[in-house]
Amino acid sequence: MTIAVAIIFFEKVLQTIECIESAVDNRTKIYILNNNSSAGSFQSLHAATKHHPNLIFIHSKENLGPARGRNFLISQINESWIFFLDNDIKIITQNWYDKLLPHLQNESYYEVFIPQLYNVHENADIKFHKYNLLNNTVVGEEVTDNNTNCFPGGASLVSKSLFTRLGLYNSDISVLEDFEFSIRGLMVGQPVKAALIYDVVLHHNHIYSKSNKDKRATKIRYAGQQYQFAENYIRENYKIEYYSGWQQWVNTQMQIMVYSSPFHKTKRWILKQIKKLR
């Protein structure tokens, strides 16, 4: 069994470097999609990581978004398992490859393995869910037995055979693509077979974007209209009721990454004090 690492790079150079460095292992290739980042950002990334021989850079002349970006990576990868990592995630477990391999060898029932995911910006581990269909409504329920039928697309080890079985990510939507994929499996009566594992740990961190490039990338990635479109698409395509709760989540991420710097907090406090004096 072979494992490849797959990363989508859209700005956030320093975090992408950390992500790559955490994943380096001489037994695996790391495929990095340059998802139309600026030339300067790619040059910085390449200069910082070019000493690693197993990196394979793939370039797109347009920003494909998460769904089409992952589909593009899947088409370029021959390994049987793909460890997808968002570029603001890093692997904390140093011997991650040795930890993952026994799961593949001994738990062949599963198509996806989901490592423990700690959100640094929330100071909490992610509580994963699974989907059920109740009265024509897709409902997310907290996982209680380490078995689930959905997975985070940018923080999971996925068998390529799953994409043969259910198809690729839906290219009609640019976000909620992993939710749609899991709902698709549920709706056709062939749910994703995924397991939570705890011997590999990932850290995910949404940090304040200091550069205009990173702010622009964040605004593109978390544009509310694309989330609304994707949620509506899922409802209409499957004729179901479905609510992802994207509004509050997106607003929070934008606040963290674009608007909430120490400078902005101080500025808001000063403006409040000035207003009191008027």
C-alpha atoms as a PDB file:
ATOM      1  CA  MET A   1       0.000   0.000   0.000  1.00  0.00           C
ATOM      2  CA  THR A   2       1.268   3.449  -0.888  1.00  0.00           C
ATOM      3  CA  ILE A   3       0.443   6.851   0.589  1.00  0.00           C
ATOM      4  CA  ALA A   4       0.730  10.239  -1.109  1.00  0.00           C
ATOM      5  CA  VAL A   5       0.264  13.604   0.578  1.00  0.00           C
ATOM      6  CA  ALA A   6      -1.872  16.179  -1.276  1.00  0.00           C
ATOM      7  CA  ILE A   7      -1.887  19.904  -0.450  1.00  0.00           C
ATOM      8  CA  ILE A   8      -3.668  22.816  -2.117  1.00  0.00           C
ATOM      9  CA  PHE A   9      -1.562  25.973  -1.958  1.00  0.00           C
ATOM     10  CA  PHE A  10      -3.417  29.276  -2.195  1.00  0.00           C
ATOM     11  CA  GLU A  11      -1.296  31.949  -0.507  1.00  0.00           C
ATOM     12  CA  LYS A  12      -0.543  31.602   3.263  1.00  0.00           C
ATOM     13  CA  VAL A  13       3.111  30.868   2.419  1.00  0.00           C
ATOM     14  CA  LEU A  14       4.468  30.451   5.953  1.00  0.00           C
ATOM     15  CA  GLN A  15       1.700  28.076   6.991  1.00  0.00           C
ATOM     16  CA  THR A  16       2.107  26.094   3.775  1.00  0.00           C
ATOM     17  CA  ILE A  17       5.813  25.690   4.496  1.00  0.00           C
ATOM     18  CA  GLU A  18       4.977  24.408   7.996  1.00  0.00           C
ATOM     19  CA  CYS A  19       2.421  22.019   6.506  1.00  0.00           C
ATOM     20  CA  ILE A  20       4.919  20.606   4.008  1.00  0.00           C
ATOM     21  CA  GLU A  21       7.742  20.309   6.547  1.00  0.00           C
ATOM     22  CA  SER A  22       5.486  18.397   8.928  1.00  0.00           C
ATOM     23  CA  ALA A  23       4.560  15.903   6.187  1.00  0.00           C
ATOM     24  CA  VAL A  24       8.035  15.188   4.799  1.00  0.00           C
ATOM     25  CA  ASP A  25       8.845  11.477   4.829  1.00  0.00           C
ATOM     26  CA  ASN A  26      11.250   9.769   2.432  1.00  0.00           C
ATOM     27  CA  ARG A  27       8.689   7.037   1.750  1.00  0.00           C
ATOM     28  CA  THR A  28       5.998   9.283   0.313  1.00  0.00           C
ATOM     29  CA  LYS A  29       5.597  11.926  -2.372  1.00  0.00           C
ATOM     30  CA  ILE A  30       3.987  15.266  -1.564  1.00  0.00           C
ATOM     31  CA  TYR A  31       1.843  16.689  -4.357  1.00  0.00           C
ATOM     32  CA  ILE A  32       1.287  20.437  -4.072  1.00  0.00           C
ATOM     33  CA  LEU A  33      -1.260  22.195  -6.259  1.00  0.00           C
ATOM     34  CA  ASN A  34      -0.335  25.835  -6.785  1.00  0.00           C
ATOM     35  CA  ASN A  35      -3.940  27.006  -6.999  1.00  0.00           C
ATOM     36  CA  ASN A  36      -3.186  30.285  -8.799  1.00  0.00           C
ATOM     37  CA  SER A  37      -1.237  31.856  -5.945  1.00  0.00           C
ATOM     38  CA  SER A  38       0.744  34.991  -6.760  1.00  0.00           C
ATOM     39  CA  ALA A  39       4.130  34.497  -8.458  1.00  0.00           C
ATOM     40  CA  GLY A  40       5.962  35.948  -5.468  1.00  0.00           C
ATOM     41  CA  SER A  41       4.231  33.586  -3.047  1.00  0.00           C
ATOM     42  CA  PHE A  42       5.088  30.537  -5.122  1.00  0.00           C
ATOM     43  CA  GLN A  43       8.701  31.635  -5.470  1.00  0.00           C
ATOM     44  CA  SER A  44       8.960  32.003  -1.700  1.00  0.00           C
ATOM     45  CA  LEU A  45       7.403  28.585  -1.129  1.00  0.00           C
ATOM     46  CA  HIS A  46       9.601  26.890  -3.707  1.00  0.00           C
ATOM     47  CA  ALA A  47      12.781  28.485  -2.357  1.00  0.00           C
ATOM     48  CA  ALA A  48      11.984  27.342   1.181  1.00  0.00           C
ATOM     49  CA  THR A  49      11.159  23.731   0.261  1.00  0.00           C
ATOM     50  CA  LYS A  50      13.247  22.914  -2.834  1.00  0.00           C
ATOM     51  CA  HIS A  51      15.741  20.878  -0.779  1.00  0.00           C
ATOM     52  CA  HIS A  52      13.102  18.166  -0.349  1.00  0.00           C
ATOM     53  CA  PRO A  53      13.393  15.691  -3.247  1.00  0.00           C
ATOM     54  CA  ASN A  54       9.881  14.198  -3.007  1.00  0.00           C
ATOM     55  CA  LEU A  55       7.869  17.367  -3.671  1.00  0.00           C
ATOM     56  CA  ILE A  56       5.856  17.518  -6.878  1.00  0.00           C
ATOM     57  CA  PHE A  57       4.441  20.932  -7.796  1.00  0.00           C
ATOM     58  CA  ILE A  58       1.397  21.119 -10.064  1.00  0.00           C
ATOM     59  CA  HIS A  59       0.174  24.475 -11.360  1.00  0.00           C
ATOM     60  CA  SER A  60      -3.251  25.794 -12.252  1.00  0.00           C
ATOM     61  CA  LYS A  61      -3.748  29.025 -14.202  1.00  0.00           C
ATOM     62  CA  GLU A  62      -7.033  29.598 -12.360  1.00  0.00           C
ATOM     63  CA  ASN A  63      -8.169  29.145  -8.782  1.00  0.00           C
ATOM     64  CA  LEU A  64      -9.989  25.829  -8.835  1.00  0.00           C
ATOM     65  CA  GLY A  65     -11.299  26.036  -5.279  1.00  0.00           C
ATOM     66  CA  PRO A  66     -11.236  23.044  -2.916  1.00  0.00           C
ATOM     67  CA  ALA A  67     -13.487  20.692  -4.919  1.00  0.00           C
ATOM     68  CA  ARG A  68     -11.969  20.996  -8.368  1.00  0.00           C
ATOM     69  CA  GLY A  69      -8.535  21.439  -6.816  1.00  0.00           C
ATOM     70  CA  ARG A  70      -8.741  18.090  -5.042  1.00  0.00           C
ATOM     71  CA  ASN A  71     -10.144  16.462  -8.177  1.00  0.00           C
ATOM     72  CA  PHE A  72      -7.141  17.770 -10.113  1.00  0.00           C
ATOM     73  CA  LEU A  73      -4.770  16.339  -7.513  1.00  0.00           C
ATOM     74  CA  ILE A  74      -6.553  12.979  -7.529  1.00  0.00           C
ATOM     75  CA  SER A  75      -6.098  12.773 -11.309  1.00  0.00           C
ATOM     76  CA  GLN A  76      -2.333  13.289 -10.909  1.00  0.00           C
ATOM     77  CA  ILE A  77      -1.742  10.782  -8.102  1.00  0.00           C
ATOM     78  CA  ASN A  78      -1.091   7.069  -8.679  1.00  0.00           C
ATOM     79  CA  GLU A  79      -0.727   6.052  -5.032  1.00  0.00           C
ATOM     80  CA  SER A  80      -3.570   3.989  -3.574  1.00  0.00           C
ATOM     81  CA  TRP A  81      -4.124   6.278  -0.553  1.00  0.00           C
ATOM     82  CA  ILE A  82      -4.107  10.078  -0.422  1.00  0.00           C
ATOM     83  CA  PHE A  83      -3.470  12.044   2.767  1.00  0.00           C
ATOM     84  CA  PHE A  84      -5.230  15.356   2.081  1.00  0.00           C
ATOM     85  CA  LEU A  85      -4.019  18.330   4.119  1.00  0.00           C
ATOM     86  CA  ASP A  86      -5.282  21.900   3.965  1.00  0.00           C
ATOM     87  CA  ASN A  87      -2.304  24.236   3.879  1.00  0.00           C
ATOM     88  CA  ASP A  88      -3.126  25.682   7.320  1.00  0.00           C
ATOM     89  CA  ILE A  89      -2.794  22.241   8.909  1.00  0.00           C
ATOM     90  CA  LYS A  90       0.362  20.565  10.143  1.00  0.00           C
ATOM     91  CA  ILE A  91       1.022  17.031  11.300  1.00  0.00           C
ATOM     92  CA  ILE A  92       2.093  16.940  14.934  1.00  0.00           C
ATOM     93  CA  THR A  93       2.855  13.200  15.083  1.00  0.00           C
ATOM     94  CA  GLN A  94       6.418  12.874  13.770  1.00  0.00           C
ATOM     95  CA  ASN A  95       6.199   9.192  12.823  1.00  0.00           C
ATOM     96  CA  TRP A  96       2.794   9.643  11.188  1.00  0.00           C
ATOM     97  CA  TYR A  97       3.547   7.260   8.305  1.00  0.00           C
ATOM     98  CA  ASP A  98       4.373   4.394  10.664  1.00  0.00           C
ATOM     99  CA  LYS A  99       1.189   5.096  12.606  1.00  0.00           C
ATOM    100  CA  LEU A 100      -1.064   5.161   9.533  1.00  0.00           C
ATOM    101  CA  LEU A 101       0.248   2.072   7.779  1.00  0.00           C
ATOM    102  CA  PRO A 102      -1.109  -0.506  10.298  1.00  0.00           C
ATOM    103  CA  HIS A 103      -4.590   1.001   9.919  1.00  0.00           C
ATOM    104  CA  LEU A 104      -4.432   0.377   6.166  1.00  0.00           C
ATOM    105  CA  GLN A 105      -3.097  -3.142   6.636  1.00  0.00           C
ATOM    106  CA  ASN A 106      -5.387  -4.264   9.452  1.00  0.00           C
ATOM    107  CA  GLU A 107      -8.623  -2.333   8.921  1.00  0.00           C
ATOM    108  CA  SER A 108      -9.380  -2.938   5.254  1.00  0.00           C
ATOM    109  CA  TYR A 109     -13.126  -2.335   5.748  1.00  0.00           C
ATOM    110  CA  TYR A 110     -12.560   1.426   5.930  1.00  0.00           C
ATOM    111  CA  GLU A 111     -12.128   3.798   3.008  1.00  0.00           C
ATOM    112  CA  VAL A 112     -11.212   6.856   5.075  1.00  0.00           C
ATOM    113  CA  PHE A 113      -9.190   7.396   8.245  1.00  0.00           C
ATOM    114  CA  ILE A 114      -9.680  10.690  10.088  1.00  0.00           C
ATOM    115  CA  PRO A 115      -6.845  11.733  12.439  1.00  0.00           C
ATOM    116  CA  GLN A 116      -7.461  13.639  15.636  1.00  0.00           C
ATOM    117  CA  LEU A 117      -7.847  17.283  14.611  1.00  0.00           C
ATOM    118  CA  TYR A 118      -7.134  20.085  17.078  1.00  0.00           C
ATOM    119  CA  ASN A 119      -8.308  23.586  16.188  1.00  0.00           C
ATOM    120  CA  VAL A 120      -5.675  25.902  17.664  1.00  0.00           C
ATOM    121  CA  HIS A 121      -7.852  28.982  17.086  1.00  0.00           C
ATOM    122  CA  GLU A 122     -10.668  27.390  19.097  1.00  0.00           C
ATOM    123  CA  ASN A 123      -8.455  25.656  21.668  1.00  0.00           C
ATOM    124  CA  ALA A 124     -10.442  22.457  21.154  1.00  0.00           C
ATOM    125  CA  ASP A 125     -10.494  19.153  19.321  1.00  0.00           C
ATOM    126  CA  ILE A 126     -12.965  18.857  16.480  1.00  0.00           C
ATOM    127  CA  LYS A 127     -16.083  16.864  17.342  1.00  0.00           C
ATOM    128  CA  PHE A 128     -16.862  14.910  14.218  1.00  0.00           C
ATOM    129  CA  HIS A 129     -20.354  14.006  13.085  1.00  0.00           C
ATOM    130  CA  LYS A 130     -22.133  11.511  10.884  1.00  0.00           C
ATOM    131  CA  TYR A 131     -25.190  11.973   8.696  1.00  0.00           C
ATOM    132  CA  ASN A 132     -28.603  10.339   8.992  1.00  0.00           C
ATOM    133  CA  LEU A 133     -31.679  10.826   6.834  1.00  0.00           C
ATOM    134  CA  LEU A 134     -34.754  11.506   8.966  1.00  0.00           C
ATOM    135  CA  ASN A 135     -38.083  12.444   7.364  1.00  0.00           C
ATOM    136  CA  ASN A 136     -36.355  13.702   4.225  1.00  0.00           C
ATOM    137  CA  THR A 137     -33.953  15.843   6.272  1.00  0.00           C
ATOM    138  CA  VAL A 138     -30.219  15.201   6.492  1.00  0.00           C
ATOM    139  CA  VAL A 139     -29.236  15.502  10.152  1.00  0.00           C
ATOM    140  CA  GLY A 140     -25.717  15.589  11.560  1.00  0.00           C
ATOM    141  CA  GLU A 141     -25.182  13.612  14.761  1.00  0.00           C
ATOM    142  CA  GLU A 142     -22.058  13.464  16.926  1.00  0.00           C
ATOM    143  CA  VAL A 143     -19.938  10.335  16.459  1.00  0.00           C
ATOM    144  CA  THR A 144     -19.998   8.061  19.511  1.00  0.00           C
ATOM    145  CA  ASP A 145     -18.331   4.839  18.282  1.00  0.00           C
ATOM    146  CA  ASN A 146     -15.487   6.134  16.053  1.00  0.00           C
ATOM    147  CA  ASN A 147     -17.414   5.148  12.908  1.00  0.00           C
ATOM    148  CA  THR A 148     -18.807   7.780  10.583  1.00  0.00           C
ATOM    149  CA  ASN A 149     -20.008   8.307   7.024  1.00  0.00           C
ATOM    150  CA  CYS A 150     -18.499  11.742   6.395  1.00  0.00           C
ATOM    151  CA  PHE A 151     -15.045  13.267   6.649  1.00  0.00           C
ATOM    152  CA  PRO A 152     -13.161  16.586   6.408  1.00  0.00           C
ATOM    153  CA  GLY A 153     -11.825  16.786   2.867  1.00  0.00           C
ATOM    154  CA  GLY A 154      -8.653  18.630   3.890  1.00  0.00           C
ATOM    155  CA  ALA A 155      -7.691  16.536   6.914  1.00  0.00           C
ATOM    156  CA  SER A 156      -8.199  12.873   6.057  1.00  0.00           C
ATOM    157  CA  LEU A 157      -6.469   9.825   4.618  1.00  0.00           C
ATOM    158  CA  VAL A 158      -8.674   8.608   1.752  1.00  0.00           C
ATOM    159  CA  SER A 159      -8.506   5.523  -0.458  1.00  0.00           C
ATOM    160  CA  LYS A 160      -8.543   6.348  -4.166  1.00  0.00           C
ATOM    161  CA  SER A 161     -11.003   3.470  -4.555  1.00  0.00           C
ATOM    162  CA  LEU A 162     -13.630   5.607  -2.790  1.00  0.00           C
ATOM    163  CA  PHE A 163     -13.564   8.090  -5.667  1.00  0.00           C
ATOM    164  CA  THR A 164     -13.956   5.209  -8.107  1.00  0.00           C
ATOM    165  CA  ARG A 165     -16.975   3.998  -6.147  1.00  0.00           C
ATOM    166  CA  LEU A 166     -18.786   7.321  -5.608  1.00  0.00           C
ATOM    167  CA  GLY A 167     -17.144   9.568  -8.182  1.00  0.00           C
ATOM    168  CA  LEU A 168     -15.076  12.700  -7.667  1.00  0.00           C
ATOM    169  CA  TYR A 169     -16.063  15.809  -5.727  1.00  0.00           C
ATOM    170  CA  ASN A 170     -18.924  17.722  -7.312  1.00  0.00           C
ATOM    171  CA  SER A 171     -17.379  20.390  -9.535  1.00  0.00           C
ATOM    172  CA  ASP A 172     -20.636  22.402  -9.658  1.00  0.00           C
ATOM    173  CA  ILE A 173     -19.955  23.710  -6.148  1.00  0.00           C
ATOM    174  CA  SER A 174     -16.767  25.229  -4.756  1.00  0.00           C
ATOM    175  CA  VAL A 175     -17.376  24.698  -1.014  1.00  0.00           C
ATOM    176  CA  LEU A 176     -19.186  22.168   1.222  1.00  0.00           C
ATOM    177  CA  GLU A 177     -17.822  19.674  -1.310  1.00  0.00           C
ATOM    178  CA  ASP A 178     -16.917  17.087   1.325  1.00  0.00           C
ATOM    179  CA  PHE A 179     -20.400  17.424   2.861  1.00  0.00           C
ATOM    180  CA  GLU A 180     -22.023  16.906  -0.552  1.00  0.00           C
ATOM    181  CA  PHE A 181     -19.787  13.902  -1.196  1.00  0.00           C
ATOM    182  CA  SER A 182     -20.809  12.236   2.069  1.00  0.00           C
ATOM    183  CA  ILE A 183     -24.494  13.035   1.533  1.00  0.00           C
ATOM    184  CA  ARG A 184     -24.222  11.510  -1.950  1.00  0.00           C
ATOM    185  CA  GLY A 185     -23.077   8.225  -0.445  1.00  0.00           C
ATOM    186  CA  LEU A 186     -25.953   8.307   2.029  1.00  0.00           C
ATOM    187  CA  MET A 187     -28.546   9.075  -0.656  1.00  0.00           C
ATOM    188  CA  VAL A 188     -27.485   6.234  -2.959  1.00  0.00           C
ATOM    189  CA  GLY A 189     -27.442   3.753  -0.091  1.00  0.00           C
ATOM    190  CA  GLN A 190     -23.647   3.351  -0.156  1.00  0.00           C
ATOM    191  CA  PRO A 191     -22.372   5.575   2.660  1.00  0.00           C
ATOM    192  CA  VAL A 192     -18.712   6.403   3.128  1.00  0.00           C
ATOM    193  CA  LYS A 193     -16.946   4.000   5.484  1.00  0.00           C
ATOM    194  CA  ALA A 194     -14.768   6.185   7.689  1.00  0.00           C
ATOM    195  CA  ALA A 195     -13.065   5.713  11.048  1.00  0.00           C
ATOM    196  CA  LEU A 196     -11.725   8.165  13.606  1.00  0.00           C
ATOM    197  CA  ILE A 197      -8.169   7.384  14.691  1.00  0.00           C
ATOM    198  CA  TYR A 198      -6.228   8.899  17.574  1.00  0.00           C
ATOM    199  CA  ASP A 199      -2.586   7.924  17.074  1.00  0.00           C
ATOM    200  CA  VAL A 200      -2.035  10.651  14.466  1.00  0.00           C
ATOM    201  CA  VAL A 201      -2.686  14.262  15.511  1.00  0.00           C
ATOM    202  CA  LEU A 202      -3.161  17.291  13.268  1.00  0.00           C
ATOM    203  CA  HIS A 203      -3.177  20.958  14.277  1.00  0.00           C
ATOM    204  CA  HIS A 204      -5.368  23.358  12.319  1.00  0.00           C
ATOM    205  CA  ASN A 205      -4.868  27.069  12.849  1.00  0.00           C
ATOM    206  CA  HIS A 206      -6.734  30.063  11.443  1.00  0.00           C
ATOM    207  CA  ILE A 207      -4.485  33.035  12.129  1.00  0.00           C
ATOM    208  CA  TYR A 208      -4.835  36.724  11.402  1.00  0.00           C
ATOM    209  CA  SER A 209      -3.698  37.514   7.846  1.00  0.00           C
ATOM    210  CA  LYS A 210      -1.106  40.287   7.879  1.00  0.00           C
ATOM    211  CA  SER A 211      -0.548  40.538   4.117  1.00  0.00           C
ATOM    212  CA  ASN A 212      -3.077  41.802   1.596  1.00  0.00           C
ATOM    213  CA  LYS A 213      -2.482  38.644  -0.459  1.00  0.00           C
ATOM    214  CA  ASP A 214      -3.540  36.421   2.416  1.00  0.00           C
ATOM    215  CA  LYS A 215      -6.540  38.611   3.226  1.00  0.00           C
ATOM    216  CA  ARG A 216      -7.661  38.458  -0.389  1.00  0.00           C
ATOM    217  CA  ALA A 217      -7.234  34.669  -0.404  1.00  0.00           C
ATOM    218  CA  THR A 218      -9.311  34.378   2.766  1.00  0.00           C
ATOM    219  CA  LYS A 219     -12.097  36.529   1.345  1.00  0.00           C
ATOM    220  CA  ILE A 220     -12.198  34.339  -1.773  1.00  0.00           C
ATOM    221  CA  ARG A 221     -12.145  31.104   0.246  1.00  0.00           C
ATOM    222  CA  TYR A 222     -14.882  32.221   2.668  1.00  0.00           C
ATOM    223  CA  ALA A 223     -17.153  34.244   0.395  1.00  0.00           C
ATOM    224  CA  GLY A 224     -20.657  33.745   1.777  1.00  0.00           C
ATOM    225  CA  GLN A 225     -22.455  33.530  -1.572  1.00  0.00           C
ATOM    226  CA  GLN A 226     -20.621  30.364  -2.566  1.00  0.00           C
ATOM    227  CA  TYR A 227     -21.657  28.671   0.678  1.00  0.00           C
ATOM    228  CA  GLN A 228     -25.279  29.680   0.167  1.00  0.00           C
ATOM    229  CA  PHE A 229     -25.141  28.411  -3.410  1.00  0.00           C
ATOM    230  CA  ALA A 230     -23.645  25.072  -2.332  1.00  0.00           C
ATOM    231  CA  GLU A 231     -26.216  24.553   0.424  1.00  0.00           C
ATOM    232  CA  ASN A 232     -29.066  25.330  -1.984  1.00  0.00           C
ATOM    233  CA  TYR A 233     -27.516  23.044  -4.585  1.00  0.00           C
ATOM    234  CA  ILE A 234     -27.450  20.105  -2.158  1.00  0.00           C
ATOM    235  CA  ARG A 235     -31.089  20.661  -1.202  1.00  0.00           C
ATOM    236  CA  GLU A 236     -32.290  20.928  -4.786  1.00  0.00           C
ATOM    237  CA  ASN A 237     -30.124  18.163  -6.222  1.00  0.00           C
ATOM    238  CA  TYR A 238     -31.192  15.564  -3.644  1.00  0.00           C
ATOM    239  CA  LYS A 239     -34.673  16.956  -2.887  1.00  0.00           C
ATOM    240  CA  ILE A 240     -33.928  17.072   0.824  1.00  0.00           C
ATOM    241  CA  GLU A 241     -33.839  19.522   3.692  1.00  0.00           C
ATOM    242  CA  TYR A 242     -30.268  20.313   4.688  1.00  0.00           C
ATOM    243  CA  TYR A 243     -28.702  23.081   6.768  1.00  0.00           C
ATOM    244  CA  SER A 244     -24.943  23.167   7.222  1.00  0.00           C
ATOM    245  CA  GLY A 245     -24.829  26.111   9.636  1.00  0.00           C
ATOM    246  CA  TRP A 246     -22.269  27.808   7.422  1.00  0.00           C
ATOM    247  CA  GLN A 247     -23.247  31.429   8.226  1.00  0.00           C
ATOM    248  CA  GLN A 248     -21.993  31.613  11.805  1.00  0.00           C
ATOM    249  CA  TRP A 249     -18.930  29.511  11.017  1.00  0.00           C
ATOM    250  CA  VAL A 250     -17.890  31.621   8.009  1.00  0.00           C
ATOM    251  CA  ASN A 251     -18.441  34.884   9.890  1.00  0.00           C
ATOM    252  CA  THR A 252     -16.260  33.639  12.743  1.00  0.00           C
ATOM    253  CA  GLN A 253     -13.433  32.594  10.422  1.00  0.00           C
ATOM    254  CA  MET A 254     -13.488  35.949   8.652  1.00  0.00           C
ATOM    255  CA  GLN A 255     -13.384  37.729  11.998  1.00  0.00           C
ATOM    256  CA  ILE A 256     -10.347  35.704  13.060  1.00  0.00           C
ATOM    257  CA  MET A 257      -8.371  35.893   9.818  1.00  0.00           C
ATOM    258  CA  VAL A 258      -9.258  39.279   8.336  1.00  0.00           C
ATOM    259  CA  TYR A 259     -10.658  41.643  10.961  1.00  0.00           C
ATOM    260  CA  SER A 260      -9.386  40.707  14.432  1.00  0.00           C
ATOM    261  CA  SER A 261      -5.783  41.861  14.760  1.00  0.00           C
ATOM    262  CA  PRO A 262      -4.476  43.481  17.962  1.00  0.00           C
ATOM    263  CA  PHE A 263      -4.233  46.741  15.998  1.00  0.00           C
ATOM    264  CA  HIS A 264      -7.884  46.601  14.985  1.00  0.00           C
ATOM    265  CA  LYS A 265      -8.979  45.803  18.527  1.00  0.00           C
ATOM    266  CA  THR A 266      -7.014  48.775  19.871  1.00  0.00           C
ATOM    267  CA  LYS A 267      -8.377  51.028  17.139  1.00  0.00           C
ATOM    268  CA  ARG A 268     -11.961  50.030  17.971  1.00  0.00           C
ATOM    269  CA  TRP A 269     -11.335  50.731  21.680  1.00  0.00           C
ATOM    270  CA  ILE A 270      -9.888  54.205  20.921  1.00  0.00           C
ATOM    271  CA  LEU A 271     -12.822  55.061  18.664  1.00  0.00           C
ATOM    272  CA  LYS A 272     -15.251  54.061  21.420  1.00  0.00           C
ATOM    273  CA  GLN A 273     -13.436  56.304  23.906  1.00  0.00           C
ATOM    274  CA  ILE A 274     -13.508  59.239  21.479  1.00  0.00           C
ATOM    275  CA  LYS A 275     -17.219  58.710  20.917  1.00  0.00           C
ATOM    276  CA  LYS A 276     -17.834  58.858  24.677  1.00  0.00           C
ATOM    277  CA  LEU A 277     -16.127  62.248  24.871  1.00  0.00           C
ATOM    278  CA  ARG A 278     -18.354  63.832  22.253  1.00  0.00           C
END
